[in-house]
């Protein structure tokens, strides 16, 4: 199945970190990086989330920077135009969502 749509980009630094986590935490073969939303009601709105999961039938599945990415088709509207980046500084370290430069 060929799918050109890639609603979320992955920075090279984030991809390195994802691959490292998959190796060191023994993420099962066939799993991918799931990007989605949680919530969406009330004042807080939707919160973007990432994690590791196995593919589901309702997923958009693609490879970005060598990482297998999974996005539930229902979440595409919320995540389109975002990029997963990895920040490492004196004040914090972790994945973050930024607006994609396109």
C-alpha atoms as a PDB file:
ATOM      1  CA  UNK A   1       0.000   0.000   0.000  1.00  0.00           C
ATOM      2  CA  UNK A   2       1.502   3.334  -1.081  1.00  0.00           C
ATOM      3  CA  UNK A   3       0.610   6.338   1.005  1.00  0.00           C
ATOM      4  CA  UNK A   4       2.092   9.760   0.214  1.00  0.00           C
ATOM      5  CA  UNK A   5       0.401  11.699   3.043  1.00  0.00           C
ATOM      6  CA  UNK A   6       2.711  12.399   5.970  1.00  0.00           C
ATOM      7  CA  UNK A   7       0.771  14.645   8.353  1.00  0.00           C
ATOM      8  CA  UNK A   8       3.566  14.768  10.954  1.00  0.00           C
ATOM      9  CA  UNK A   9       7.272  15.181  10.257  1.00  0.00           C
ATOM     10  CA  UNK A  10      10.044  13.792  12.410  1.00  0.00           C
ATOM     11  CA  UNK A  11      13.266  15.768  12.889  1.00  0.00           C
ATOM     12  CA  UNK A  12      16.550  13.919  12.410  1.00  0.00           C
ATOM     13  CA  UNK A  13      17.370  14.397  16.114  1.00  0.00           C
ATOM     14  CA  UNK A  14      13.980  13.004  17.193  1.00  0.00           C
ATOM     15  CA  UNK A  15      14.381  10.045  14.833  1.00  0.00           C
ATOM     16  CA  UNK A  16      17.789   9.225  16.373  1.00  0.00           C
ATOM     17  CA  UNK A  17      16.256   9.310  19.846  1.00  0.00           C
ATOM     18  CA  UNK A  18      13.247   7.154  18.821  1.00  0.00           C
ATOM     19  CA  UNK A  19      15.542   4.522  17.294  1.00  0.00           C
ATOM     20  CA  UNK A  20      17.708   4.536  20.430  1.00  0.00           C
ATOM     21  CA  UNK A  21      14.651   4.061  22.673  1.00  0.00           C
ATOM     22  CA  UNK A  22      13.347   1.243  20.477  1.00  0.00           C
ATOM     23  CA  UNK A  23      16.702  -0.558  20.820  1.00  0.00           C
ATOM     24  CA  UNK A  24      17.288   0.009  24.526  1.00  0.00           C
ATOM     25  CA  UNK A  25      13.702  -0.543  25.734  1.00  0.00           C
ATOM     26  CA  UNK A  26      13.153  -3.645  23.592  1.00  0.00           C
ATOM     27  CA  UNK A  27      10.129  -2.263  21.737  1.00  0.00           C
ATOM     28  CA  UNK A  28       8.695  -5.272  19.831  1.00  0.00           C
ATOM     29  CA  UNK A  29       9.356  -5.660  16.114  1.00  0.00           C
ATOM     30  CA  UNK A  30       6.444  -4.388  14.069  1.00  0.00           C
ATOM     31  CA  UNK A  31       5.646  -1.553  16.473  1.00  0.00           C
ATOM     32  CA  UNK A  32       5.847   2.047  15.351  1.00  0.00           C
ATOM     33  CA  UNK A  33       5.833   5.541  16.787  1.00  0.00           C
ATOM     34  CA  UNK A  34       2.192   6.423  17.420  1.00  0.00           C
ATOM     35  CA  UNK A  35       1.333  10.122  17.190  1.00  0.00           C
ATOM     36  CA  UNK A  36      -2.127  11.233  18.223  1.00  0.00           C
ATOM     37  CA  UNK A  37      -4.310  13.288  20.497  1.00  0.00           C
ATOM     38  CA  UNK A  38      -5.862  12.783  23.892  1.00  0.00           C
ATOM     39  CA  UNK A  39      -8.775  14.750  25.262  1.00  0.00           C
ATOM     40  CA  UNK A  40     -10.369  17.460  23.186  1.00  0.00           C
ATOM     41  CA  UNK A  41     -13.256  18.475  25.397  1.00  0.00           C
ATOM     42  CA  UNK A  42     -13.524  21.353  27.821  1.00  0.00           C
ATOM     43  CA  UNK A  43     -11.101  24.218  28.274  1.00  0.00           C
ATOM     44  CA  UNK A  44      -7.948  22.148  27.918  1.00  0.00           C
ATOM     45  CA  UNK A  45      -8.540  21.096  24.332  1.00  0.00           C
ATOM     46  CA  UNK A  46      -6.683  18.264  22.659  1.00  0.00           C
ATOM     47  CA  UNK A  47      -3.221  17.272  23.867  1.00  0.00           C
ATOM     48  CA  UNK A  48      -0.730  15.844  21.361  1.00  0.00           C
ATOM     49  CA  UNK A  49       0.836  12.562  22.470  1.00  0.00           C
ATOM     50  CA  UNK A  50       3.458  10.090  21.254  1.00  0.00           C
ATOM     51  CA  UNK A  51       4.212   6.518  22.204  1.00  0.00           C
ATOM     52  CA  UNK A  52       4.927   3.084  20.753  1.00  0.00           C
ATOM     53  CA  UNK A  53       2.142   0.861  19.462  1.00  0.00           C
ATOM     54  CA  UNK A  54       1.326  -1.796  16.911  1.00  0.00           C
ATOM     55  CA  UNK A  55      -0.449  -0.761  13.689  1.00  0.00           C
ATOM     56  CA  UNK A  56      -4.248  -0.713  13.586  1.00  0.00           C
ATOM     57  CA  UNK A  57      -6.565  -0.876  10.604  1.00  0.00           C
ATOM     58  CA  UNK A  58      -7.629   2.766  11.085  1.00  0.00           C
ATOM     59  CA  UNK A  59      -4.033   4.047  10.920  1.00  0.00           C
ATOM     60  CA  UNK A  60      -2.222   6.116   8.388  1.00  0.00           C
ATOM     61  CA  UNK A  61       1.171   4.406   8.280  1.00  0.00           C
ATOM     62  CA  UNK A  62       4.366   5.845   6.782  1.00  0.00           C
ATOM     63  CA  UNK A  63       8.112   6.130   7.276  1.00  0.00           C
ATOM     64  CA  UNK A  64       9.746   9.441   8.198  1.00  0.00           C
ATOM     65  CA  UNK A  65      13.500   9.727   8.826  1.00  0.00           C
ATOM     66  CA  UNK A  66      13.681   5.938   9.024  1.00  0.00           C
ATOM     67  CA  UNK A  67      10.982   5.730  11.730  1.00  0.00           C
ATOM     68  CA  UNK A  68       7.729   3.825  11.196  1.00  0.00           C
ATOM     69  CA  UNK A  69       5.013   6.378  12.101  1.00  0.00           C
ATOM     70  CA  UNK A  70       1.372   5.570  12.955  1.00  0.00           C
ATOM     71  CA  UNK A  71      -1.415   8.156  13.052  1.00  0.00           C
ATOM     72  CA  UNK A  72      -5.066   7.230  13.534  1.00  0.00           C
ATOM     73  CA  UNK A  73      -6.893   8.749  10.564  1.00  0.00           C
ATOM     74  CA  UNK A  74      -9.340  10.437  12.981  1.00  0.00           C
ATOM     75  CA  UNK A  75      -6.433  12.359  14.540  1.00  0.00           C
ATOM     76  CA  UNK A  76      -4.940  13.633  11.275  1.00  0.00           C
ATOM     77  CA  UNK A  77      -6.739  16.978  11.457  1.00  0.00           C
ATOM     78  CA  UNK A  78      -5.188  17.701  14.862  1.00  0.00           C
ATOM     79  CA  UNK A  79      -1.605  16.736  14.030  1.00  0.00           C
ATOM     80  CA  UNK A  80      -1.192  17.869  10.423  1.00  0.00           C
ATOM     81  CA  UNK A  81       1.552  20.445  10.011  1.00  0.00           C
ATOM     82  CA  UNK A  82       3.386  19.427  13.198  1.00  0.00           C
ATOM     83  CA  UNK A  83       6.891  18.076  13.613  1.00  0.00           C
ATOM     84  CA  UNK A  84       8.190  15.891  16.415  1.00  0.00           C
ATOM     85  CA  UNK A  85      11.518  17.268  17.604  1.00  0.00           C
ATOM     86  CA  UNK A  86      13.819  16.359  20.456  1.00  0.00           C
ATOM     87  CA  UNK A  87      15.042  19.064  22.809  1.00  0.00           C
ATOM     88  CA  UNK A  88      18.042  18.655  25.063  1.00  0.00           C
ATOM     89  CA  UNK A  89      19.073  21.587  27.188  1.00  0.00           C
ATOM     90  CA  UNK A  90      20.088  22.517  30.712  1.00  0.00           C
ATOM     91  CA  UNK A  91      16.447  23.097  31.669  1.00  0.00           C
ATOM     92  CA  UNK A  92      14.744  20.112  30.052  1.00  0.00           C
ATOM     93  CA  UNK A  93      15.113  17.067  27.821  1.00  0.00           C
ATOM     94  CA  UNK A  94      12.437  15.348  25.766  1.00  0.00           C
ATOM     95  CA  UNK A  95      10.221  15.194  22.727  1.00  0.00           C
ATOM     96  CA  UNK A  96       8.214  18.229  21.729  1.00  0.00           C
ATOM     97  CA  UNK A  97       5.776  19.155  18.997  1.00  0.00           C
ATOM     98  CA  UNK A  98       6.629  22.200  16.905  1.00  0.00           C
ATOM     99  CA  UNK A  99       4.983  23.745  13.877  1.00  0.00           C
ATOM    100  CA  UNK A 100       6.545  22.253  10.775  1.00  0.00           C
ATOM    101  CA  UNK A 101       8.495  24.552   8.486  1.00  0.00           C
ATOM    102  CA  UNK A 102       6.832  22.560   5.648  1.00  0.00           C
END
